[in-house]
C-alpha atoms as a PDB file:
ATOM      1  CA  ALA A   1      -6.697  -1.875   2.285  1.00  0.00           C
ATOM      2  CA  ILE A   2      -5.804   0.754  -0.254  1.00  0.00           C
ATOM      3  CA  GLY A   3      -9.234   2.361   0.073  1.00  0.00           C
ATOM      4  CA  ASN A   4      -8.456   3.415   3.622  1.00  0.00           C
ATOM      5  CA  ILE A   5      -5.119   4.854   2.498  1.00  0.00           C
ATOM      6  CA  LEU A   6      -6.865   6.913  -0.178  1.00  0.00           C
ATOM      7  CA  LEU A   7      -9.371   8.199   2.374  1.00  0.00           C
ATOM      8  CA  ASP A   8      -6.546   9.137   4.734  1.00  0.00           C
ATOM      9  CA  LEU A   9      -4.753  10.951   1.912  1.00  0.00           C
ATOM     10  CA  THR A  10      -7.943  12.863   1.171  1.00  0.00           C
ATOM     11  CA  GLY A  11      -8.309  13.804   4.839  1.00  0.00           C
ATOM     12  CA  GLY A  12      -4.724  15.025   5.112  1.00  0.00           C
ATOM     13  CA  THR A  13      -5.050  17.044   1.921  1.00  0.00           C
ATOM     14  CA  LEU A  14      -8.307  18.634   3.034  1.00  0.00           C
ATOM     15  CA  SER A  15      -6.829  19.440   6.445  1.00  0.00           C
ATOM     16  CA  ILE A  16      -3.904  21.286   4.839  1.00  0.00           C
ATOM     17  CA  ALA A  17      -6.292  23.008   2.421  1.00  0.00           C
ATOM     18  CA  GLN A  18      -8.466  24.157   5.329  1.00  0.00           C
ATOM     19  CA  LEU A  19      -5.451  25.646   7.089  1.00  0.00           C
ATOM     20  CA  MET A  20      -4.395  27.430   3.888  1.00  0.00           C
ATOM     21  CA  LEU A  21      -7.875  28.838   3.301  1.00  0.00           C
ATOM     22  CA  ASP A  22      -8.149  29.990   6.900  1.00  0.00           C
ATOM     23  CA  GLY A  23      -4.730  31.580   6.632  1.00  0.00           C
ATOM     24  CA  ALA A  24      -5.634  33.377   3.416  1.00  0.00           C
ATOM     25  CA  THR A  25      -8.902  34.767   4.767  1.00  0.00           C
ATOM     26  CA  GLU A  26      -8.205  35.370   8.468  1.00  0.00           C
ATOM     27  CA  GLY A  27      -4.454  35.887   8.525  1.00  0.00           C
ATOM     28  CA  TRP A  28      -1.569  33.446   8.697  1.00  0.00           C
ATOM     29  CA  GLY A  29      -1.570  33.361  12.485  1.00  0.00           C
ATOM     30  CA  GLY A  30      -3.898  30.348  12.342  1.00  0.00           C
ATOM     31  CA  VAL A  31      -1.378  28.315  10.352  1.00  0.00           C
ATOM     32  CA  VAL A  32       1.522  29.338  12.551  1.00  0.00           C
ATOM     33  CA  GLY A  33      -0.604  29.024  15.695  1.00  0.00           C
ATOM     34  CA  ASP A  34      -1.510  25.378  15.000  1.00  0.00           C
ATOM     35  CA  PRO A  35       1.737  23.696  13.891  1.00  0.00           C
ATOM     36  CA  ILE A  36       0.658  20.258  15.124  1.00  0.00           C
ATOM     37  CA  LYS A  37      -2.276  20.098  12.711  1.00  0.00           C
ATOM     38  CA  PHE A  38      -0.079  21.414   9.912  1.00  0.00           C
ATOM     39  CA  CYS A  39       2.686  18.848  10.512  1.00  0.00           C
ATOM     40  CA  LEU A  40       0.269  15.980  11.104  1.00  0.00           C
ATOM     41  CA  GLY A  41      -1.333  16.615   7.716  1.00  0.00           C
ATOM     42  CA  PHE A  42       2.036  16.479   5.972  1.00  0.00           C
ATOM     43  CA  VAL A  43       3.185  13.368   7.869  1.00  0.00           C
ATOM     44  CA  SER A  44      -0.067  11.627   6.967  1.00  0.00           C
ATOM     45  CA  ILE A  45       0.301  12.560   3.297  1.00  0.00           C
ATOM     46  CA  PHE A  46       3.953  11.435   3.289  1.00  0.00           C
ATOM     47  CA  PHE A  47       3.182   7.946   4.596  1.00  0.00           C
ATOM     48  CA  ASP A  48       0.115   7.606   2.372  1.00  0.00           C
ATOM     49  CA  ILE A  49       2.281   8.310  -0.667  1.00  0.00           C
ATOM     50  CA  ILE A  50       4.743   5.618   0.459  1.00  0.00           C
ATOM     51  CA  PHE A  51       1.907   3.074   0.808  1.00  0.00           C
ATOM     52  CA  MET A  52       0.471   4.056  -2.581  1.00  0.00           C
ATOM     53  CA  ILE A  53       3.858   3.628  -4.265  1.00  0.00           C
ATOM     54  CA  GLN A  54       4.119   0.178  -2.714  1.00  0.00           C
ATOM     55  CA  HIS A  55       0.625  -0.767  -3.842  1.00  0.00           C
ATOM     56  CA  TYR A  56       0.564   0.716  -7.344  1.00  0.00           C
ATOM     57  CA  VAL A  57       4.247   0.595  -8.381  1.00  0.00           C
ATOM     58  CA  LEU A  58       6.351  -1.918  -6.464  1.00  0.00           C
ATOM     59  CA  TYR A  59       3.940  -4.803  -5.828  1.00  0.00           C
ATOM     60  CA  THR A  60       1.415  -4.580  -8.666  1.00  0.00           C
ATOM     61  CA  ASP A  61       1.637  -8.232  -9.719  1.00  0.00           C
ATOM     62  CA  ARG A  62       1.504  -9.760  -6.235  1.00  0.00           C
ATOM     63  CA  THR A  63      -1.244 -12.261  -5.542  1.00  0.00           C
ATOM     64  CA  ASP A  64      -2.449 -12.649  -2.002  1.00  0.00           C
ATOM     65  CA  HIS A  65      -1.735 -16.253  -1.018  1.00  0.00           C
ATOM     66  CA  ASP A  66      -2.850 -15.681   2.565  1.00  0.00           C
ATOM     67  CA  ALA A  67      -6.374 -14.637   1.628  1.00  0.00           C
ATOM     68  CA  PRO A  68      -9.098 -16.968   2.887  1.00  0.00           C
ATOM     69  CA  ARG A  69     -10.528 -19.265   0.262  1.00  0.00           C
ATOM     70  CA  PRO A  70     -14.284 -19.435  -0.250  1.00  0.00           C
ATOM     71  CA  MET A  71     -15.935 -22.290   1.545  1.00  0.00           C
ATOM     72  CA  ALA A  72     -17.092 -25.127  -0.673  1.00  0.00           C
ATOM     73  CA  GLN A  73     -20.516 -26.582  -0.051  1.00  0.00           C
ATOM     74  CA  ASP A  74     -20.893 -30.352  -0.107  1.00  0.00           C
ATOM     75  CA  ALA A  75     -24.041 -31.154  -2.041  1.00  0.00           C
ATOM     76  CA  ALA A  76     -24.712 -34.471  -0.299  1.00  0.00           C
ATOM     77  CA  ASP A  77     -25.015 -33.473   3.352  1.00  0.00           C
ATOM     78  CA  GLY A  78     -24.598 -29.687   3.380  1.00  0.00           C
ATOM     79  CA  CYS A  79     -21.253 -29.787   5.230  1.00  0.00           C
ATOM     80  CA  ALA A  80     -19.023 -26.825   4.654  1.00  0.00           C
ATOM     81  CA  TYR A  81     -15.277 -27.161   4.540  1.00  0.00           C
ATOM     82  CA  GLY A  82     -12.603 -24.610   3.790  1.00  0.00           C
ATOM     83  CA  THR A  83      -9.414 -26.672   3.821  1.00  0.00           C
ATOM     84  CA  ASP A  84      -7.971 -29.086   1.327  1.00  0.00           C
ATOM     85  CA  VAL A  85      -9.210 -32.540   2.236  1.00  0.00           C
END
């Protein structure tokens, strides 16, 4: 779901922002001293941007044919069915 991608993008952005703020206030040794967190934030943002381009640019008019259909309720006996009969 695109909502999870947007949350992940927010998390990656805030992680990079935290490193930048820490570096500006306490010295840049924290940014250089934790390269895994720095790179992980950028990798996360990179892939989130790819997924967002797919969702908002490339496949905007796609309808989801695999989505489950709502179950119809039979008024006579209360039986529920979800397939074409």
